[in-house]
Amino acid sequence: MWCHHAVVLACVWCAPMAHAAKSCEELALEIADKLKAAGVKDYSLEIVPNELAVGEKVVGSCEGGTRKITYAREKKKLESPPAKKP
């Protein structure tokens, strides 16, 4: 879990430096590569306008700061619950 948070924080710190020269899609792919290299699984990245990023975990900024890349952990689907014993 600690590694997961460290990777997200590193992405947040590095992303603003790269937003001027890269497209949102390119930046999102780079962030995804870093998360994958760190072993992070079950997450989603979404490119949204700034106003939709309120309250979300922002890991990147692009298109001159007008859009954000947000990160969310995906909940694993639970298999059917174990059968109750009679």
PDB file of N, CA and C in Angstrom:
ATOM      1  N   MET A   1       0.830  -1.190   0.000  1.00  0.00           N
ATOM      2  CA  MET A   1       0.000   0.000   0.000  1.00  0.00           C
ATOM      3  C   MET A   1       0.870   1.248   0.000  1.00  0.00           C
ATOM      4  N   TRP A   2       1.963   1.228   0.760  1.00  0.00           N
ATOM      5  CA  TRP A   2       2.856   2.377   0.821  1.00  0.00           C
ATOM      6  C   TRP A   2       3.415   2.682  -0.561  1.00  0.00           C
ATOM      7  N   CYS A   3       3.817   1.645  -1.283  1.00  0.00           N
ATOM      8  CA  CYS A   3       4.375   1.823  -2.631  1.00  0.00           C
ATOM      9  C   CYS A   3       3.343   2.468  -3.542  1.00  0.00           C
ATOM     10  N   HIS A   4       2.115   2.055  -3.426  1.00  0.00           N
ATOM     11  CA  HIS A   4       1.027   2.604  -4.236  1.00  0.00           C
ATOM     12  C   HIS A   4       0.927   4.117  -4.027  1.00  0.00           C
ATOM     13  N   HIS A   5       0.941   4.549  -2.780  1.00  0.00           N
ATOM     14  CA  HIS A   5       0.833   5.980  -2.483  1.00  0.00           C
ATOM     15  C   HIS A   5       2.061   6.745  -2.956  1.00  0.00           C
ATOM     16  N   ALA A   6       3.229   6.143  -2.830  1.00  0.00           N
ATOM     17  CA  ALA A   6       4.457   6.799  -3.271  1.00  0.00           C
ATOM     18  C   ALA A   6       4.446   7.025  -4.779  1.00  0.00           C
ATOM     19  N   VAL A   7       3.962   6.050  -5.527  1.00  0.00           N
ATOM     20  CA  VAL A   7       3.899   6.182  -6.984  1.00  0.00           C
ATOM     21  C   VAL A   7       2.928   7.283  -7.378  1.00  0.00           C
ATOM     22  N   VAL A   8       1.774   7.311  -6.740  1.00  0.00           N
ATOM     23  CA  VAL A   8       0.782   8.334  -7.055  1.00  0.00           C
ATOM     24  C   VAL A   8       1.350   9.718  -6.739  1.00  0.00           C
ATOM     25  N   LEU A   9       1.997   9.854  -5.597  1.00  0.00           N
ATOM     26  CA  LEU A   9       2.587  11.153  -5.242  1.00  0.00           C
ATOM     27  C   LEU A   9       3.683  11.544  -6.230  1.00  0.00           C
ATOM     28  N   ALA A  10       4.481  10.590  -6.675  1.00  0.00           N
ATOM     29  CA  ALA A  10       5.525  10.891  -7.655  1.00  0.00           C
ATOM     30  C   ALA A  10       4.908  11.359  -8.968  1.00  0.00           C
ATOM     31  N   CYS A  11       3.822  10.727  -9.374  1.00  0.00           N
ATOM     32  CA  CYS A  11       3.134  11.138 -10.603  1.00  0.00           C
ATOM     33  C   CYS A  11       2.587  12.550 -10.468  1.00  0.00           C
ATOM     34  N   VAL A  12       2.018  12.844  -9.311  1.00  0.00           N
ATOM     35  CA  VAL A  12       1.461  14.174  -9.085  1.00  0.00           C
ATOM     36  C   VAL A  12       2.565  15.214  -9.141  1.00  0.00           C
ATOM     37  N   TRP A  13       3.701  14.906  -8.580  1.00  0.00           N
ATOM     38  CA  TRP A  13       4.817  15.849  -8.541  1.00  0.00           C
ATOM     39  C   TRP A  13       5.413  16.058  -9.928  1.00  0.00           C
ATOM     40  N   CYS A  14       5.549  15.011 -10.721  1.00  0.00           N
ATOM     41  CA  CYS A  14       6.204  15.096 -12.026  1.00  0.00           C
ATOM     42  C   CYS A  14       5.283  15.587 -13.135  1.00  0.00           C
ATOM     43  N   ALA A  15       4.020  15.315 -13.040  1.00  0.00           N
ATOM     44  CA  ALA A  15       3.097  15.616 -14.130  1.00  0.00           C
ATOM     45  C   ALA A  15       3.019  17.095 -14.494  1.00  0.00           C
ATOM     46  N   PRO A  16       2.981  18.038 -13.555  1.00  0.00           N
ATOM     47  CA  PRO A  16       2.875  19.438 -13.968  1.00  0.00           C
ATOM     48  C   PRO A  16       4.044  19.905 -14.817  1.00  0.00           C
ATOM     49  N   MET A  17       5.209  19.328 -14.619  1.00  0.00           N
ATOM     50  CA  MET A  17       6.370  19.724 -15.406  1.00  0.00           C
ATOM     51  C   MET A  17       6.240  19.295 -16.865  1.00  0.00           C
ATOM     52  N   ALA A  18       5.460  18.269 -17.115  1.00  0.00           N
ATOM     53  CA  ALA A  18       5.376  17.713 -18.459  1.00  0.00           C
ATOM     54  C   ALA A  18       4.145  18.169 -19.229  1.00  0.00           C
ATOM     55  N   HIS A  19       3.227  18.882 -18.604  1.00  0.00           N
ATOM     56  CA  HIS A  19       1.949  19.145 -19.269  1.00  0.00           C
ATOM     57  C   HIS A  19       2.047  20.097 -20.451  1.00  0.00           C
ATOM     58  N   ALA A  20       3.075  20.914 -20.512  1.00  0.00           N
ATOM     59  CA  ALA A  20       3.156  21.896 -21.586  1.00  0.00           C
ATOM     60  C   ALA A  20       3.444  21.254 -22.940  1.00  0.00           C
ATOM     61  N   ALA A  21       4.241  20.194 -22.967  1.00  0.00           N
ATOM     62  CA  ALA A  21       4.696  19.640 -24.233  1.00  0.00           C
ATOM     63  C   ALA A  21       3.978  18.362 -24.649  1.00  0.00           C
ATOM     64  N   LYS A  22       3.184  17.775 -23.799  1.00  0.00           N
ATOM     65  CA  LYS A  22       2.591  16.472 -24.095  1.00  0.00           C
ATOM     66  C   LYS A  22       1.070  16.553 -24.159  1.00  0.00           C
ATOM     67  N   SER A  23       0.518  15.691 -24.979  1.00  0.00           N
ATOM     68  CA  SER A  23      -0.943  15.593 -25.033  1.00  0.00           C
ATOM     69  C   SER A  23      -1.430  14.874 -23.773  1.00  0.00           C
ATOM     70  N   CYS A  24      -2.707  15.028 -23.467  1.00  0.00           N
ATOM     71  CA  CYS A  24      -3.281  14.362 -22.299  1.00  0.00           C
ATOM     72  C   CYS A  24      -3.143  12.846 -22.420  1.00  0.00           C
ATOM     73  N   GLU A  25      -3.393  12.328 -23.600  1.00  0.00           N
ATOM     74  CA  GLU A  25      -3.321  10.885 -23.808  1.00  0.00           C
ATOM     75  C   GLU A  25      -1.901  10.376 -23.595  1.00  0.00           C
ATOM     76  N   GLU A  26      -0.923  11.112 -24.112  1.00  0.00           N
ATOM     77  CA  GLU A  26       0.473  10.713 -23.961  1.00  0.00           C
ATOM     78  C   GLU A  26       0.879  10.730 -22.485  1.00  0.00           C
ATOM     79  N   LEU A  27       0.480  11.771 -21.780  1.00  0.00           N
ATOM     80  CA  LEU A  27       0.810  11.871 -20.368  1.00  0.00           C
ATOM     81  C   LEU A  27       0.127  10.763 -19.570  1.00  0.00           C
ATOM     82  N   ALA A  28      -1.128  10.474 -19.875  1.00  0.00           N
ATOM     83  CA  ALA A  28      -1.850   9.404 -19.181  1.00  0.00           C
ATOM     84  C   ALA A  28      -1.170   8.052 -19.415  1.00  0.00           C
ATOM     85  N   LEU A  29      -0.688   7.814 -20.620  1.00  0.00           N
ATOM     86  CA  LEU A  29       0.028   6.563 -20.907  1.00  0.00           C
ATOM     87  C   LEU A  29       1.324   6.480 -20.108  1.00  0.00           C
ATOM     88  N   GLU A  30       2.040   7.587 -19.975  1.00  0.00           N
ATOM     89  CA  GLU A  30       3.274   7.586 -19.195  1.00  0.00           C
ATOM     90  C   GLU A  30       2.979   7.307 -17.720  1.00  0.00           C
ATOM     91  N   ILE A  31       1.929   7.914 -17.199  1.00  0.00           N
ATOM     92  CA  ILE A  31       1.548   7.673 -15.804  1.00  0.00           C
ATOM     93  C   ILE A  31       1.166   6.209 -15.622  1.00  0.00           C
ATOM     94  N   ALA A  32       0.402   5.651 -16.570  1.00  0.00           N
ATOM     95  CA  ALA A  32       0.009   4.242 -16.503  1.00  0.00           C
ATOM     96  C   ALA A  32       1.227   3.332 -16.530  1.00  0.00           C
ATOM     97  N   ASP A  33       2.214   3.666 -17.351  1.00  0.00           N
ATOM     98  CA  ASP A  33       3.451   2.872 -17.412  1.00  0.00           C
ATOM     99  C   ASP A  33       4.173   2.883 -16.071  1.00  0.00           C
ATOM    100  N   LYS A  34       4.213   4.053 -15.428  1.00  0.00           N
ATOM    101  CA  LYS A  34       4.874   4.155 -14.119  1.00  0.00           C
ATOM    102  C   LYS A  34       4.127   3.356 -13.063  1.00  0.00           C
ATOM    103  N   LEU A  35       2.811   3.409 -13.096  1.00  0.00           N
ATOM    104  CA  LEU A  35       2.023   2.633 -12.140  1.00  0.00           C
ATOM    105  C   LEU A  35       2.220   1.140 -12.360  1.00  0.00           C
ATOM    106  N   LYS A  36       2.228   0.723 -13.626  1.00  0.00           N
ATOM    107  CA  LYS A  36       2.423  -0.693 -13.949  1.00  0.00           C
ATOM    108  C   LYS A  36       3.801  -1.159 -13.494  1.00  0.00           C
ATOM    109  N   ALA A  37       4.828  -0.333 -13.726  1.00  0.00           N
ATOM    110  CA  ALA A  37       6.189  -0.685 -13.323  1.00  0.00           C
ATOM    111  C   ALA A  37       6.300  -0.824 -11.805  1.00  0.00           C
ATOM    112  N   ALA A  38       5.486  -0.081 -11.076  1.00  0.00           N
ATOM    113  CA  ALA A  38       5.500  -0.148  -9.619  1.00  0.00           C
ATOM    114  C   ALA A  38       4.611  -1.277  -9.096  1.00  0.00           C
ATOM    115  N   GLY A  39       3.950  -1.995  -9.994  1.00  0.00           N
ATOM    116  CA  GLY A  39       3.123  -3.118  -9.593  1.00  0.00           C
ATOM    117  C   GLY A  39       1.715  -2.740  -9.160  1.00  0.00           C
ATOM    118  N   VAL A  40       1.305  -1.516  -9.447  1.00  0.00           N
ATOM    119  CA  VAL A  40      -0.044  -1.091  -9.085  1.00  0.00           C
ATOM    120  C   VAL A  40      -1.035  -1.711 -10.071  1.00  0.00           C
ATOM    121  N   LYS A  41      -2.091  -2.301  -9.539  1.00  0.00           N
ATOM    122  CA  LYS A  41      -3.112  -2.937 -10.370  1.00  0.00           C
ATOM    123  C   LYS A  41      -4.475  -2.419  -9.962  1.00  0.00           C
ATOM    124  N   ASP A  42      -5.461  -2.702 -10.753  1.00  0.00           N
ATOM    125  CA  ASP A  42      -6.854  -2.371 -10.452  1.00  0.00           C
ATOM    126  C   ASP A  42      -7.049  -0.881 -10.192  1.00  0.00           C
ATOM    127  N   TYR A  43      -6.751  -0.082 -11.180  1.00  0.00           N
ATOM    128  CA  TYR A  43      -6.930   1.365 -11.075  1.00  0.00           C
ATOM    129  C   TYR A  43      -7.476   1.876 -12.398  1.00  0.00           C
ATOM    130  N   SER A  44      -7.920   3.118 -12.394  1.00  0.00           N
ATOM    131  CA  SER A  44      -8.331   3.751 -13.643  1.00  0.00           C
ATOM    132  C   SER A  44      -7.797   5.174 -13.660  1.00  0.00           C
ATOM    133  N   LEU A  45      -7.454   5.628 -14.851  1.00  0.00           N
ATOM    134  CA  LEU A  45      -7.055   7.010 -15.085  1.00  0.00           C
ATOM    135  C   LEU A  45      -8.101   7.615 -16.008  1.00  0.00           C
ATOM    136  N   GLU A  46      -8.482   8.834 -15.723  1.00  0.00           N
ATOM    137  CA  GLU A  46      -9.482   9.492 -16.553  1.00  0.00           C
ATOM    138  C   GLU A  46      -9.047  10.927 -16.823  1.00  0.00           C
ATOM    139  N   ILE A  47      -9.194  11.365 -18.067  1.00  0.00           N
ATOM    140  CA  ILE A  47      -8.881  12.745 -18.457  1.00  0.00           C
ATOM    141  C   ILE A  47     -10.190  13.524 -18.392  1.00  0.00           C
ATOM    142  N   VAL A  48     -10.195  14.569 -17.556  1.00  0.00           N
ATOM    143  CA  VAL A  48     -11.430  15.331 -17.352  1.00  0.00           C
ATOM    144  C   VAL A  48     -11.142  16.829 -17.357  1.00  0.00           C
ATOM    145  N   PRO A  49     -12.153  17.648 -17.657  1.00  0.00           N
ATOM    146  CA  PRO A  49     -11.999  19.095 -17.508  1.00  0.00           C
ATOM    147  C   PRO A  49     -11.764  19.425 -16.025  1.00  0.00           C
ATOM    148  N   ASN A  50     -11.085  20.531 -15.769  1.00  0.00           N
ATOM    149  CA  ASN A  50     -10.746  20.908 -14.394  1.00  0.00           C
ATOM    150  C   ASN A  50     -11.937  20.856 -13.446  1.00  0.00           C
ATOM    151  N   GLU A  51     -13.080  21.356 -13.887  1.00  0.00           N
ATOM    152  CA  GLU A  51     -14.237  21.441 -12.982  1.00  0.00           C
ATOM    153  C   GLU A  51     -14.758  20.070 -12.553  1.00  0.00           C
ATOM    154  N   LEU A  52     -14.449  19.018 -13.311  1.00  0.00           N
ATOM    155  CA  LEU A  52     -14.880  17.672 -12.941  1.00  0.00           C
ATOM    156  C   LEU A  52     -13.861  16.949 -12.063  1.00  0.00           C
ATOM    157  N   ALA A  53     -12.709  17.557 -11.835  1.00  0.00           N
ATOM    158  CA  ALA A  53     -11.659  16.932 -11.037  1.00  0.00           C
ATOM    159  C   ALA A  53     -11.768  17.270  -9.552  1.00  0.00           C
ATOM    160  N   VAL A  54     -12.716  18.118  -9.186  1.00  0.00           N
ATOM    161  CA  VAL A  54     -12.876  18.519  -7.792  1.00  0.00           C
ATOM    162  C   VAL A  54     -13.199  17.296  -6.945  1.00  0.00           C
ATOM    163  N   GLY A  55     -12.426  17.097  -5.902  1.00  0.00           N
ATOM    164  CA  GLY A  55     -12.648  15.967  -5.006  1.00  0.00           C
ATOM    165  C   GLY A  55     -12.012  14.671  -5.475  1.00  0.00           C
ATOM    166  N   GLU A  56     -11.411  14.666  -6.636  1.00  0.00           N
ATOM    167  CA  GLU A  56     -10.759  13.469  -7.165  1.00  0.00           C
ATOM    168  C   GLU A  56      -9.264  13.533  -6.882  1.00  0.00           C
ATOM    169  N   LYS A  57      -8.576  12.387  -6.972  1.00  0.00           N
ATOM    170  CA  LYS A  57      -7.124  12.354  -6.821  1.00  0.00           C
ATOM    171  C   LYS A  57      -6.512  12.685  -8.180  1.00  0.00           C
ATOM    172  N   VAL A  58      -5.945  13.878  -8.311  1.00  0.00           N
ATOM    173  CA  VAL A  58      -5.375  14.345  -9.571  1.00  0.00           C
ATOM    174  C   VAL A  58      -3.916  13.917  -9.628  1.00  0.00           C
ATOM    175  N   VAL A  59      -3.527  13.246 -10.732  1.00  0.00           N
ATOM    176  CA  VAL A  59      -2.155  12.784 -10.896  1.00  0.00           C
ATOM    177  C   VAL A  59      -1.464  13.427 -12.090  1.00  0.00           C
ATOM    178  N   GLY A  60      -2.148  14.333 -12.785  1.00  0.00           N
ATOM    179  CA  GLY A  60      -1.536  15.008 -13.918  1.00  0.00           C
ATOM    180  C   GLY A  60      -2.390  16.162 -14.391  1.00  0.00           C
ATOM    181  N   SER A  61      -1.740  17.070 -15.089  1.00  0.00           N
ATOM    182  CA  SER A  61      -2.405  18.228 -15.668  1.00  0.00           C
ATOM    183  C   SER A  61      -1.923  18.353 -17.106  1.00  0.00           C
ATOM    184  N   CYS A  62      -2.837  18.694 -18.016  1.00  0.00           N
ATOM    185  CA  CYS A  62      -2.463  18.753 -19.426  1.00  0.00           C
ATOM    186  C   CYS A  62      -3.280  19.812 -20.145  1.00  0.00           C
ATOM    187  N   GLU A  63      -3.030  19.955 -21.433  1.00  0.00           N
ATOM    188  CA  GLU A  63      -3.687  20.959 -22.274  1.00  0.00           C
ATOM    189  C   GLU A  63      -3.614  22.341 -21.640  1.00  0.00           C
ATOM    190  N   GLY A  64      -2.387  22.716 -21.287  1.00  0.00           N
ATOM    191  CA  GLY A  64      -2.164  24.042 -20.724  1.00  0.00           C
ATOM    192  C   GLY A  64      -2.825  24.248 -19.373  1.00  0.00           C
ATOM    193  N   GLY A  65      -3.042  23.158 -18.637  1.00  0.00           N
ATOM    194  CA  GLY A  65      -3.648  23.241 -17.320  1.00  0.00           C
ATOM    195  C   GLY A  65      -5.164  23.281 -17.333  1.00  0.00           C
ATOM    196  N   THR A  66      -5.786  23.058 -18.489  1.00  0.00           N
ATOM    197  CA  THR A  66      -7.248  23.105 -18.571  1.00  0.00           C
ATOM    198  C   THR A  66      -7.906  21.756 -18.300  1.00  0.00           C
ATOM    199  N   ARG A  67      -7.125  20.688 -18.306  1.00  0.00           N
ATOM    200  CA  ARG A  67      -7.662  19.348 -18.064  1.00  0.00           C
ATOM    201  C   ARG A  67      -6.776  18.658 -17.035  1.00  0.00           C
ATOM    202  N   LYS A  68      -7.366  17.709 -16.331  1.00  0.00           N
ATOM    203  CA  LYS A  68      -6.660  16.948 -15.306  1.00  0.00           C
ATOM    204  C   LYS A  68      -6.777  15.465 -15.601  1.00  0.00           C
ATOM    205  N   ILE A  69      -5.788  14.725 -15.128  1.00  0.00           N
ATOM    206  CA  ILE A  69      -5.821  13.271 -15.190  1.00  0.00           C
ATOM    207  C   ILE A  69      -6.066  12.807 -13.764  1.00  0.00           C
ATOM    208  N   THR A  70      -7.172  12.094 -13.574  1.00  0.00           N
ATOM    209  CA  THR A  70      -7.524  11.632 -12.234  1.00  0.00           C
ATOM    210  C   THR A  70      -7.266  10.133 -12.104  1.00  0.00           C
ATOM    211  N   TYR A  71      -7.005   9.733 -10.876  1.00  0.00           N
ATOM    212  CA  TYR A  71      -6.673   8.357 -10.551  1.00  0.00           C
ATOM    213  C   TYR A  71      -7.705   7.826  -9.566  1.00  0.00           C
ATOM    214  N   ALA A  72      -8.149   6.605  -9.775  1.00  0.00           N
ATOM    215  CA  ALA A  72      -9.060   5.957  -8.828  1.00  0.00           C
ATOM    216  C   ALA A  72      -8.736   4.477  -8.754  1.00  0.00           C
ATOM    217  N   ARG A  73      -8.779   3.948  -7.557  1.00  0.00           N
ATOM    218  CA  ARG A  73      -8.625   2.507  -7.377  1.00  0.00           C
ATOM    219  C   ARG A  73      -9.939   1.851  -7.768  1.00  0.00           C
ATOM    220  N   GLU A  74      -9.849   0.761  -8.504  1.00  0.00           N
ATOM    221  CA  GLU A  74     -11.051   0.019  -8.873  1.00  0.00           C
ATOM    222  C   GLU A  74     -11.265  -1.071  -7.830  1.00  0.00           C
ATOM    223  N   LYS A  75     -12.493  -1.215  -7.427  1.00  0.00           N
ATOM    224  CA  LYS A  75     -12.818  -2.258  -6.465  1.00  0.00           C
ATOM    225  C   LYS A  75     -12.869  -3.581  -7.191  1.00  0.00           C
ATOM    226  N   LYS A  76     -12.221  -4.562  -6.602  1.00  0.00           N
ATOM    227  CA  LYS A  76     -12.245  -5.894  -7.199  1.00  0.00           C
ATOM    228  C   LYS A  76     -13.639  -6.472  -7.053  1.00  0.00           C
ATOM    229  N   LYS A  77     -14.077  -7.141  -8.091  1.00  0.00           N
ATOM    230  CA  LYS A  77     -15.376  -7.796  -8.046  1.00  0.00           C
ATOM    231  C   LYS A  77     -15.252  -9.035  -7.170  1.00  0.00           C
ATOM    232  N   LEU A  78     -16.150  -9.138  -6.255  1.00  0.00           N
ATOM    233  CA  LEU A  78     -16.148 -10.298  -5.371  1.00  0.00           C
ATOM    234  C   LEU A  78     -16.845 -11.453  -6.062  1.00  0.00           C
ATOM    235  N   GLU A  79     -16.285 -12.608  -5.852  1.00  0.00           N
ATOM    236  CA  GLU A  79     -16.937 -13.793  -6.369  1.00  0.00           C
ATOM    237  C   GLU A  79     -18.151 -14.049  -5.488  1.00  0.00           C
ATOM    238  N   SER A  80     -18.994 -14.954  -5.925  1.00  0.00           N
ATOM    239  CA  SER A  80     -20.202 -15.222  -5.147  1.00  0.00           C
ATOM    240  C   SER A  80     -19.795 -15.627  -3.733  1.00  0.00           C
ATOM    241  N   PRO A  81     -20.590 -15.188  -2.743  1.00  0.00           N
ATOM    242  CA  PRO A  81     -20.235 -15.511  -1.370  1.00  0.00           C
ATOM    243  C   PRO A  81     -20.238 -17.017  -1.130  1.00  0.00           C
ATOM    244  N   PRO A  82     -19.436 -17.453  -0.190  1.00  0.00           N
ATOM    245  CA  PRO A  82     -19.407 -18.897   0.073  1.00  0.00           C
ATOM    246  C   PRO A  82     -20.776 -19.390   0.537  1.00  0.00           C
ATOM    247  N   ALA A  83     -21.092 -20.580   0.160  1.00  0.00           N
ATOM    248  CA  ALA A  83     -22.383 -21.166   0.526  1.00  0.00           C
ATOM    249  C   ALA A  83     -22.442 -21.374   2.039  1.00  0.00           C
ATOM    250  N   LYS A  84     -23.612 -21.108   2.590  1.00  0.00           N
ATOM    251  CA  LYS A  84     -23.800 -21.315   4.026  1.00  0.00           C
ATOM    252  C   LYS A  84     -23.918 -22.812   4.305  1.00  0.00           C
ATOM    253  N   LYS A  85     -23.324 -23.202   5.404  1.00  0.00           N
ATOM    254  CA  LYS A  85     -23.413 -24.610   5.799  1.00  0.00           C
ATOM    255  C   LYS A  85     -24.752 -24.829   6.494  1.00  0.00           C
ATOM    256  N   PRO A  86     -25.397 -25.946   6.167  1.00  0.00           N
ATOM    257  CA  PRO A  86     -26.713 -26.228   6.801  1.00  0.00           C
ATOM    258  C   PRO A  86     -26.598 -26.519   8.268  1.00  0.00           C
TER     259      PRO A  86
END
